[in-house]
Amino acid sequence: MSKALIQRLSLWAACTALSLGVLSLYLQPSFMVMLAEQIWACF
């Protein structure tokens, strides 16, 4: 495998892991309430 292909696959794997991590946070109702309260506190 070439170096460019390995870098591209690593980047896609990192992006996928990050996306799954964010999705798992959004599936927790307590996180969503906390996020809404923090956003609301800005106003």
Protein backbone atom coordinates (compact mmCIF):
# COMPACT_ATOMS: atom_id res chain seq x y z
CA MET A 1 0.00 0.00 0.00
CA SER A 2 1.23 3.45 -0.82
CA LYS A 3 1.81 6.15 1.77
CA ALA A 4 -0.93 8.36 0.28
CA LEU A 5 -3.49 5.56 0.51
CA ILE A 6 -2.59 4.86 4.14
CA GLN A 7 -2.91 8.57 4.98
CA ARG A 8 -6.27 8.80 3.22
CA LEU A 9 -7.60 5.72 5.02
CA SER A 10 -6.33 7.05 8.36
CA LEU A 11 -8.06 10.36 7.75
CA TRP A 12 -11.34 8.66 6.87
CA ALA A 13 -11.07 6.42 9.95
CA ALA A 14 -10.46 9.45 12.18
CA CYS A 15 -13.40 11.35 10.67
CA THR A 16 -15.66 8.34 11.08
CA ALA A 17 -14.63 7.86 14.71
CA LEU A 18 -15.21 11.55 15.44
CA SER A 19 -18.62 11.46 13.77
CA LEU A 20 -19.65 8.38 15.77
CA GLY A 21 -18.48 10.03 18.98
CA VAL A 22 -20.55 13.14 18.30
CA LEU A 23 -23.56 11.02 17.35
CA SER A 24 -23.30 9.05 20.59
CA LEU A 25 -23.41 12.33 22.55
CA TYR A 26 -26.50 13.50 20.68
CA LEU A 27 -28.28 10.23 21.52
CA GLN A 28 -28.02 11.01 25.26
CA PRO A 29 -30.98 13.16 26.37
CA SER A 30 -29.08 14.60 29.35
CA PHE A 31 -26.36 15.91 27.03
CA MET A 32 -28.92 17.55 24.79
CA VAL A 33 -30.55 19.29 27.80
CA MET A 34 -27.16 20.47 29.06
CA LEU A 35 -26.22 21.77 25.60
CA ALA A 36 -29.54 23.62 25.26
CA GLU A 37 -29.12 25.18 28.72
CA GLN A 38 -25.59 26.36 27.87
CA ILE A 39 -26.75 27.89 24.59
CA TRP A 40 -29.72 29.52 26.30
CA ALA A 41 -27.42 30.97 28.99
CA CYS A 42 -25.60 32.94 26.29
CA PHE A 43 -28.69 35.12 25.72
